[in-house]
N, C-alpha and C. Protein backbone atom coordinates (compact mmCIF):
# COMPACT_ATOMS: atom_id res chain seq x y z
N UNK A 1 89.95 96.27 92.20
CA UNK A 1 91.10 95.77 92.94
C UNK A 1 92.09 96.91 93.14
N UNK A 2 91.83 97.74 94.09
CA UNK A 2 92.72 98.85 94.37
C UNK A 2 94.08 98.32 94.80
N UNK A 3 95.14 98.88 94.23
CA UNK A 3 96.47 98.44 94.57
C UNK A 3 96.98 97.31 93.70
N UNK A 4 96.19 96.90 92.71
CA UNK A 4 96.59 95.82 91.81
C UNK A 4 96.65 96.36 90.39
N UNK A 5 97.54 95.80 89.57
CA UNK A 5 97.57 96.13 88.15
C UNK A 5 98.14 94.96 87.38
N UNK A 6 97.98 94.99 86.07
CA UNK A 6 98.53 93.95 85.22
C UNK A 6 99.66 94.52 84.38
N UNK A 7 100.55 93.64 83.95
CA UNK A 7 101.67 94.04 83.12
C UNK A 7 102.00 92.91 82.17
N UNK A 8 102.58 93.24 81.04
CA UNK A 8 103.06 92.25 80.08
C UNK A 8 104.59 92.24 80.10
N UNK A 9 105.16 91.06 80.09
CA UNK A 9 106.61 90.92 80.03
C UNK A 9 107.05 91.21 78.60
N UNK A 10 108.08 92.03 78.49
CA UNK A 10 108.66 92.35 77.18
C UNK A 10 110.15 92.11 77.27
N UNK A 11 110.67 91.24 76.42
CA UNK A 11 112.10 90.97 76.38
C UNK A 11 112.49 89.71 77.13
N UNK A 12 113.76 89.33 77.00
CA UNK A 12 114.24 88.05 77.54
C UNK A 12 114.93 88.12 78.90
N UNK A 13 114.92 89.25 79.57
CA UNK A 13 115.74 89.39 80.78
C UNK A 13 115.34 88.48 81.93
N UNK A 14 114.11 87.98 81.96
CA UNK A 14 113.69 87.11 83.06
C UNK A 14 113.57 85.64 82.64
N UNK A 15 114.03 85.31 81.43
CA UNK A 15 114.00 83.91 80.98
C UNK A 15 114.99 83.10 81.83
N UNK A 16 114.68 81.91 82.20
CA UNK A 16 113.54 81.10 81.77
C UNK A 16 112.31 81.23 82.66
N UNK A 17 112.38 82.02 83.73
CA UNK A 17 111.24 82.13 84.66
C UNK A 17 110.04 82.74 83.98
N UNK A 18 110.23 83.85 83.30
CA UNK A 18 109.17 84.54 82.57
C UNK A 18 109.60 84.68 81.13
N UNK A 19 108.61 84.62 80.23
CA UNK A 19 108.89 84.76 78.80
C UNK A 19 108.23 86.00 78.24
N UNK A 20 108.78 86.48 77.15
CA UNK A 20 108.19 87.61 76.45
C UNK A 20 106.73 87.29 76.14
N UNK A 21 105.81 88.16 76.52
CA UNK A 21 104.39 87.95 76.28
C UNK A 21 103.63 87.42 77.48
N UNK A 22 104.32 86.95 78.52
CA UNK A 22 103.61 86.52 79.73
C UNK A 22 102.90 87.71 80.36
N UNK A 23 101.72 87.47 80.87
CA UNK A 23 100.96 88.50 81.57
C UNK A 23 101.15 88.31 83.07
N UNK A 24 101.19 89.41 83.81
CA UNK A 24 101.44 89.37 85.25
C UNK A 24 100.36 90.13 86.01
N UNK A 25 99.98 89.60 87.16
CA UNK A 25 99.14 90.32 88.11
C UNK A 25 100.07 90.80 89.21
N UNK A 26 100.05 92.11 89.45
CA UNK A 26 101.02 92.73 90.36
C UNK A 26 100.28 93.48 91.46
N UNK A 27 100.75 93.31 92.69
CA UNK A 27 100.21 94.08 93.82
C UNK A 27 101.18 95.21 94.14
N UNK A 28 100.64 96.43 94.16
CA UNK A 28 101.47 97.59 94.49
C UNK A 28 101.93 97.48 95.94
N UNK A 29 103.24 97.46 96.12
CA UNK A 29 103.83 97.44 97.46
C UNK A 29 105.32 97.68 97.32
N UNK A 30 105.91 98.21 98.36
CA UNK A 30 107.37 98.33 98.40
C UNK A 30 107.95 97.31 99.37
N UNK A 31 107.08 96.54 100.00
CA UNK A 31 107.52 95.52 100.97
C UNK A 31 107.73 94.19 100.25
N UNK A 32 108.98 93.86 100.03
CA UNK A 32 109.33 92.62 99.35
C UNK A 32 110.48 91.95 100.10
N UNK A 33 110.73 90.71 99.72
CA UNK A 33 111.85 89.96 100.28
C UNK A 33 112.78 89.54 99.15
N UNK A 34 114.02 89.28 99.51
CA UNK A 34 114.98 88.77 98.53
C UNK A 34 114.40 87.51 97.90
N UNK A 35 114.50 87.42 96.59
CA UNK A 35 113.97 86.29 95.85
C UNK A 35 112.63 86.56 95.19
N UNK A 36 111.90 87.58 95.65
CA UNK A 36 110.61 87.91 95.04
C UNK A 36 110.81 88.45 93.62
N UNK A 37 109.85 88.16 92.75
CA UNK A 37 109.83 88.77 91.42
C UNK A 37 109.03 90.07 91.56
N UNK A 38 109.63 91.16 91.13
CA UNK A 38 109.07 92.48 91.39
C UNK A 38 109.03 93.34 90.13
N UNK A 39 108.20 94.35 90.18
CA UNK A 39 108.16 95.39 89.15
C UNK A 39 108.87 96.60 89.74
N UNK A 40 109.83 97.13 88.97
CA UNK A 40 110.66 98.22 89.49
C UNK A 40 110.77 99.35 88.48
N UNK A 41 111.25 100.47 88.98
CA UNK A 41 111.65 101.56 88.11
C UNK A 41 113.04 102.00 88.55
N UNK A 42 113.80 102.48 87.57
CA UNK A 42 115.16 102.95 87.82
C UNK A 42 115.21 104.46 87.59
N UNK A 43 115.91 105.19 88.45
CA UNK A 43 116.05 106.64 88.25
C UNK A 43 116.65 106.93 86.87
N UNK A 44 116.04 107.85 86.16
CA UNK A 44 116.54 108.25 84.85
C UNK A 44 116.15 107.33 83.70
N UNK A 45 115.40 106.25 83.97
CA UNK A 45 114.97 105.33 82.92
C UNK A 45 113.46 105.41 82.76
N UNK A 46 112.99 105.32 81.54
CA UNK A 46 111.55 105.35 81.28
C UNK A 46 110.96 103.97 81.47
N UNK A 47 109.76 103.92 81.99
CA UNK A 47 109.02 102.67 82.08
C UNK A 47 109.36 101.80 83.28
N UNK A 48 108.59 100.73 83.38
CA UNK A 48 108.76 99.76 84.46
C UNK A 48 109.45 98.51 83.92
N UNK A 49 110.12 97.78 84.81
CA UNK A 49 110.79 96.54 84.44
C UNK A 49 110.45 95.46 85.46
N UNK A 50 110.49 94.22 85.02
CA UNK A 50 110.27 93.09 85.92
C UNK A 50 111.63 92.45 86.18
N UNK A 51 111.95 92.26 87.46
CA UNK A 51 113.25 91.72 87.87
C UNK A 51 113.08 90.89 89.15
N UNK A 52 114.16 90.30 89.61
CA UNK A 52 114.16 89.55 90.87
C UNK A 52 114.87 90.39 91.93
N UNK A 53 114.24 90.56 93.09
CA UNK A 53 114.84 91.30 94.20
C UNK A 53 115.99 90.47 94.76
N UNK A 54 117.16 91.08 94.87
CA UNK A 54 118.34 90.39 95.36
C UNK A 54 118.62 90.78 96.82
N UNK A 55 118.71 92.09 97.07
CA UNK A 55 119.00 92.56 98.43
C UNK A 55 118.66 94.05 98.54
N UNK A 56 118.36 94.51 99.76
CA UNK A 56 118.19 95.95 99.94
C UNK A 56 119.49 96.68 99.60
N UNK A 57 119.36 97.85 99.02
CA UNK A 57 120.54 98.65 98.65
C UNK A 57 120.23 100.12 98.92
N UNK A 58 120.64 100.60 100.05
CA UNK A 58 120.34 101.99 100.41
C UNK A 58 118.85 102.17 100.59
N UNK A 59 118.28 103.13 99.85
CA UNK A 59 116.83 103.38 99.93
C UNK A 59 116.04 102.57 98.91
N UNK A 60 116.70 101.68 98.19
CA UNK A 60 116.03 100.89 97.16
C UNK A 60 116.39 99.42 97.25
N UNK A 61 116.31 98.74 96.10
CA UNK A 61 116.63 97.32 96.02
C UNK A 61 117.59 97.06 94.88
N UNK A 62 118.54 96.17 95.13
CA UNK A 62 119.38 95.65 94.06
C UNK A 62 118.58 94.54 93.41
N UNK A 63 118.36 94.64 92.11
CA UNK A 63 117.56 93.66 91.38
C UNK A 63 118.33 93.17 90.17
N UNK A 64 118.03 91.94 89.76
CA UNK A 64 118.66 91.39 88.57
C UNK A 64 117.65 90.53 87.82
N UNK A 65 117.85 90.44 86.52
CA UNK A 65 117.05 89.53 85.72
C UNK A 65 117.57 88.11 85.89
N UNK A 66 116.75 87.12 85.59
CA UNK A 66 117.16 85.73 85.71
C UNK A 66 118.05 85.28 84.56
N UNK A 67 118.05 86.01 83.46
CA UNK A 67 118.87 85.68 82.30
C UNK A 67 120.21 86.40 82.45
N UNK A 68 121.27 85.63 82.73
CA UNK A 68 122.60 86.21 82.98
C UNK A 68 123.17 86.95 81.78
N UNK A 69 122.65 86.68 80.57
CA UNK A 69 123.18 87.31 79.37
C UNK A 69 122.58 88.70 79.10
N UNK A 70 121.54 89.05 79.84
CA UNK A 70 120.90 90.37 79.68
C UNK A 70 121.10 91.13 80.98
N UNK A 71 121.76 92.27 80.90
CA UNK A 71 122.10 93.00 82.12
C UNK A 71 121.46 94.38 82.16
N UNK A 72 120.17 94.46 81.85
CA UNK A 72 119.45 95.73 81.97
C UNK A 72 118.79 95.80 83.34
N UNK A 73 119.61 95.78 84.37
CA UNK A 73 119.13 95.72 85.75
C UNK A 73 120.06 96.54 86.63
N UNK A 74 120.16 96.23 87.91
CA UNK A 74 121.00 97.02 88.82
C UNK A 74 122.47 96.99 88.45
N UNK A 75 122.90 95.98 87.71
CA UNK A 75 124.29 95.95 87.26
C UNK A 75 124.58 97.11 86.30
N UNK A 76 123.56 97.60 85.63
CA UNK A 76 123.72 98.73 84.71
C UNK A 76 123.22 100.04 85.32
N UNK A 77 122.08 99.99 86.02
CA UNK A 77 121.42 101.22 86.46
C UNK A 77 121.53 101.51 87.96
N UNK A 78 122.05 100.58 88.75
CA UNK A 78 122.13 100.79 90.19
C UNK A 78 120.84 100.36 90.88
N UNK A 79 120.68 100.74 92.15
CA UNK A 79 119.48 100.34 92.92
C UNK A 79 118.19 100.85 92.27
N UNK A 80 117.12 100.10 92.48
CA UNK A 80 115.82 100.43 91.89
C UNK A 80 114.81 100.76 92.99
N UNK A 81 113.71 101.32 92.55
CA UNK A 81 112.55 101.53 93.43
C UNK A 81 111.52 100.47 93.09
N UNK A 82 111.11 99.70 94.09
CA UNK A 82 110.11 98.66 93.87
C UNK A 82 108.73 99.29 93.80
N UNK A 83 107.99 98.95 92.75
CA UNK A 83 106.63 99.43 92.55
C UNK A 83 105.63 98.39 93.04
N UNK A 84 105.94 97.11 92.82
CA UNK A 84 105.01 96.06 93.23
C UNK A 84 105.64 94.68 93.16
N UNK A 85 104.92 93.72 93.71
CA UNK A 85 105.36 92.33 93.73
C UNK A 85 104.45 91.51 92.81
N UNK A 86 105.06 90.66 91.99
CA UNK A 86 104.30 89.81 91.08
C UNK A 86 103.66 88.68 91.89
N UNK A 87 102.34 88.51 91.71
CA UNK A 87 101.59 87.47 92.42
C UNK A 87 101.19 86.32 91.53
N UNK A 88 101.02 86.60 90.23
CA UNK A 88 100.49 85.59 89.33
C UNK A 88 100.98 85.84 87.91
N UNK A 89 101.26 84.75 87.21
CA UNK A 89 101.62 84.84 85.80
C UNK A 89 100.64 83.99 85.00
N UNK A 90 100.24 84.48 83.84
CA UNK A 90 99.43 83.66 82.94
C UNK A 90 99.80 84.01 81.51
N UNK A 91 99.42 83.14 80.60
CA UNK A 91 99.73 83.33 79.19
C UNK A 91 98.47 83.85 78.51
N UNK A 92 98.46 85.10 78.11
CA UNK A 92 97.26 85.65 77.47
C UNK A 92 97.01 85.00 76.12
N UNK A 93 95.76 84.98 75.74
CA UNK A 93 95.42 84.46 74.42
C UNK A 93 96.13 85.28 73.36
N UNK A 94 96.58 84.63 72.33
CA UNK A 94 97.31 85.31 71.26
C UNK A 94 96.50 86.47 70.68
N UNK A 95 95.18 86.32 70.58
CA UNK A 95 94.36 87.39 70.00
C UNK A 95 94.38 88.65 70.87
N UNK A 96 94.53 88.49 72.17
CA UNK A 96 94.62 89.66 73.05
C UNK A 96 95.94 90.38 72.87
N UNK A 97 97.00 89.65 72.63
CA UNK A 97 98.31 90.26 72.45
C UNK A 97 98.40 91.03 71.14
N UNK A 98 97.64 90.62 70.13
CA UNK A 98 97.69 91.28 68.81
C UNK A 98 96.72 92.44 68.68
N UNK A 99 95.89 92.64 69.68
CA UNK A 99 94.90 93.73 69.63
C UNK A 99 95.63 95.06 69.59
N UNK A 100 95.12 96.00 68.81
CA UNK A 100 95.78 97.31 68.70
C UNK A 100 95.06 98.34 69.50
């Protein structure tokens, strides 16, 4: 599946929509619409994050988590670069999550 990847949600920033440990199927694309759940990266930050696309912002997207109490999103880091759009969520078996 070229252009597709999986990711695990870590942390509470997308609760109640997504929970820590949810698995995601993501399609690599920068073409998204406001309201889409997306995987993003922020300049100067390590790793990828899952957020909700709010609006275009310059050359990137303003994104926010669904949990208003966690603000590790554009409110803290500014516009993001969209890496992909989430297409599917599933709950992995507990034994897969504990594998080392």
